[in-house]
């Protein structure tokens, strides 16, 4: 019985720490989404009363700051260089192996293309996974 109670206490402590982490993360997410909240408020305020309509129109007249479009690099291999060659060359140049994050940044490939390239290279026995997400040449 004491063993179960101690296990329950341990679980409750871990749940409390998880809830604190969730609160921290939600606060961080809320910092990045103020523009969405500003556009939703005028719609609700317009429905409430005629007195508030003038105030709502003033806030609606302001435009949210334009966000810069994120430029995503597409895989543009050099002449005669395939996707597999570009991924293999990045792994080959690294001393301790290349992680998926470094491969994404250096090759400019998206997750699916990178996953397929790593799969094909491992089937050809050119690279292998040293640990999860870390690839080295053989």
Protein backbone atom coordinates (compact mmCIF):
# COMPACT_ATOMS: atom_id res chain seq x y z
CA UNK A 1 0.00 0.00 0.00
CA UNK A 2 2.83 2.42 0.85
CA UNK A 3 4.53 1.60 -2.42
CA UNK A 4 1.42 2.58 -4.38
CA UNK A 5 1.07 5.80 -2.42
CA UNK A 6 4.67 6.75 -3.12
CA UNK A 7 4.17 6.00 -6.80
CA UNK A 8 1.05 8.18 -6.86
CA UNK A 9 2.97 11.03 -5.24
CA UNK A 10 5.70 10.73 -7.84
CA UNK A 11 3.15 10.78 -10.63
CA UNK A 12 1.40 13.83 -9.19
CA UNK A 13 4.73 15.69 -8.96
CA UNK A 14 5.53 14.89 -12.58
CA UNK A 15 2.05 16.00 -13.67
CA UNK A 16 2.48 19.27 -11.80
CA UNK A 17 5.79 19.93 -13.52
CA UNK A 18 4.26 19.08 -16.90
CA UNK A 19 1.40 21.50 -16.32
CA UNK A 20 3.90 24.26 -15.49
CA UNK A 21 5.74 23.53 -18.73
CA UNK A 22 2.49 23.66 -20.68
CA UNK A 23 1.68 27.05 -19.13
CA UNK A 24 5.11 28.40 -20.08
CA UNK A 25 4.72 27.18 -23.64
CA UNK A 26 1.24 28.66 -24.00
CA UNK A 27 2.55 32.02 -22.80
CA UNK A 28 5.28 31.86 -25.45
CA UNK A 29 2.76 30.96 -28.14
CA UNK A 30 0.49 33.81 -27.08
CA UNK A 31 3.35 36.26 -27.58
CA UNK A 32 3.55 35.28 -31.26
CA UNK A 33 -0.19 35.55 -31.97
CA UNK A 34 -1.28 39.11 -31.03
CA UNK A 35 -2.23 39.98 -34.64
CA UNK A 36 -4.84 37.21 -34.80
CA UNK A 37 -6.51 38.39 -31.61
CA UNK A 38 -6.70 41.99 -32.88
CA UNK A 39 -8.61 40.94 -36.00
CA UNK A 40 -11.07 38.81 -34.04
CA UNK A 41 -12.08 41.50 -31.51
CA UNK A 42 -13.67 44.01 -33.91
CA UNK A 43 -16.06 41.39 -35.29
CA UNK A 44 -17.44 40.65 -31.82
CA UNK A 45 -17.58 44.33 -30.85
CA UNK A 46 -19.58 45.28 -33.95
CA UNK A 47 -22.38 42.92 -32.94
CA UNK A 48 -22.70 44.23 -29.38
CA UNK A 49 -23.90 47.82 -29.55
CA UNK A 50 -24.20 50.82 -31.82
CA UNK A 51 -22.12 52.90 -29.39
CA UNK A 52 -19.11 50.68 -29.83
CA UNK A 53 -19.32 50.67 -33.63
CA UNK A 54 -17.39 53.91 -33.95
CA UNK A 55 -14.57 52.61 -31.75
CA UNK A 56 -14.50 49.35 -33.67
CA UNK A 57 -14.20 51.15 -36.99
CA UNK A 58 -11.17 53.03 -35.73
CA UNK A 59 -9.44 49.81 -34.66
CA UNK A 60 -10.48 48.06 -37.85
CA UNK A 61 -8.96 50.86 -39.93
CA UNK A 62 -5.53 50.02 -38.58
CA UNK A 63 -3.87 47.32 -40.51
CA UNK A 64 -1.81 44.61 -38.93
CA UNK A 65 1.89 44.91 -39.78
CA UNK A 66 2.70 42.97 -42.90
CA UNK A 67 4.68 39.83 -42.27
CA UNK A 68 7.65 39.10 -44.41
CA UNK A 69 7.15 36.11 -46.60
CA UNK A 70 9.55 33.38 -45.62
CA UNK A 71 11.70 32.43 -48.52
CA UNK A 72 12.18 28.73 -48.66
CA UNK A 73 15.14 27.45 -50.54
CA UNK A 74 14.36 24.72 -52.96
CA UNK A 75 16.83 21.98 -53.64
CA UNK A 76 18.80 23.24 -56.60
CA UNK A 77 21.58 20.76 -57.17
CA UNK A 78 24.50 21.90 -59.30
CA UNK A 79 24.93 20.59 -62.81
CA UNK A 80 25.27 16.83 -62.74
CA UNK A 81 24.78 16.73 -58.95
CA UNK A 82 21.76 14.82 -57.68
CA UNK A 83 19.95 15.16 -54.37
CA UNK A 84 21.67 12.02 -53.13
CA UNK A 85 25.06 13.45 -54.06
CA UNK A 86 24.40 16.70 -52.21
CA UNK A 87 23.23 14.91 -49.05
CA UNK A 88 26.12 12.47 -49.18
CA UNK A 89 28.69 15.24 -49.65
CA UNK A 90 27.42 17.11 -46.57
CA UNK A 91 27.63 13.93 -44.47
CA UNK A 92 31.05 13.10 -45.89
CA UNK A 93 32.46 16.55 -45.07
CA UNK A 94 31.36 16.44 -41.43
CA UNK A 95 33.81 14.96 -38.95
CA UNK A 96 31.42 13.53 -36.37
CA UNK A 97 28.48 13.00 -38.71
CA UNK A 98 25.60 15.22 -39.76
CA UNK A 99 22.32 15.72 -37.96
CA UNK A 100 19.02 16.12 -39.76
CA UNK A 101 18.87 19.81 -38.84
CA UNK A 102 22.27 20.53 -40.39
CA UNK A 103 21.37 18.52 -43.47
CA UNK A 104 18.19 20.56 -43.89
CA UNK A 105 20.01 23.87 -43.65
CA UNK A 106 22.98 22.95 -45.83
CA UNK A 107 21.07 21.16 -48.60
CA UNK A 108 17.88 23.23 -48.52
CA UNK A 109 15.72 20.12 -48.80
CA UNK A 110 12.42 19.66 -47.01
CA UNK A 111 11.79 16.82 -44.56
CA UNK A 112 10.30 14.38 -47.06
CA UNK A 113 13.09 14.77 -49.63
CA UNK A 114 15.75 14.46 -46.96
CA UNK A 115 14.14 11.37 -45.46
CA UNK A 116 13.93 9.70 -48.87
CA UNK A 117 17.55 10.55 -49.67
CA UNK A 118 18.81 9.18 -46.34
CA UNK A 119 16.76 6.02 -46.84
CA UNK A 120 18.24 5.45 -50.29
CA UNK A 121 21.79 6.16 -49.12
CA UNK A 122 21.41 3.72 -46.23
CA UNK A 123 20.05 1.04 -48.56
CA UNK A 124 23.11 1.54 -50.77
CA UNK A 125 25.22 1.18 -47.60
CA UNK A 126 26.86 4.54 -48.17
CA UNK A 127 25.73 5.98 -44.81
CA UNK A 128 24.33 4.61 -41.59
CA UNK A 129 22.64 6.05 -38.53
CA UNK A 130 25.11 6.30 -35.67
CA UNK A 131 22.26 7.35 -33.38
CA UNK A 132 18.77 8.73 -33.88
CA UNK A 133 19.06 11.66 -36.28
CA UNK A 134 22.86 11.44 -36.70
CA UNK A 135 24.23 10.02 -39.93
CA UNK A 136 27.84 9.07 -40.74
CA UNK A 137 29.58 7.57 -43.77
CA UNK A 138 30.72 3.98 -43.73
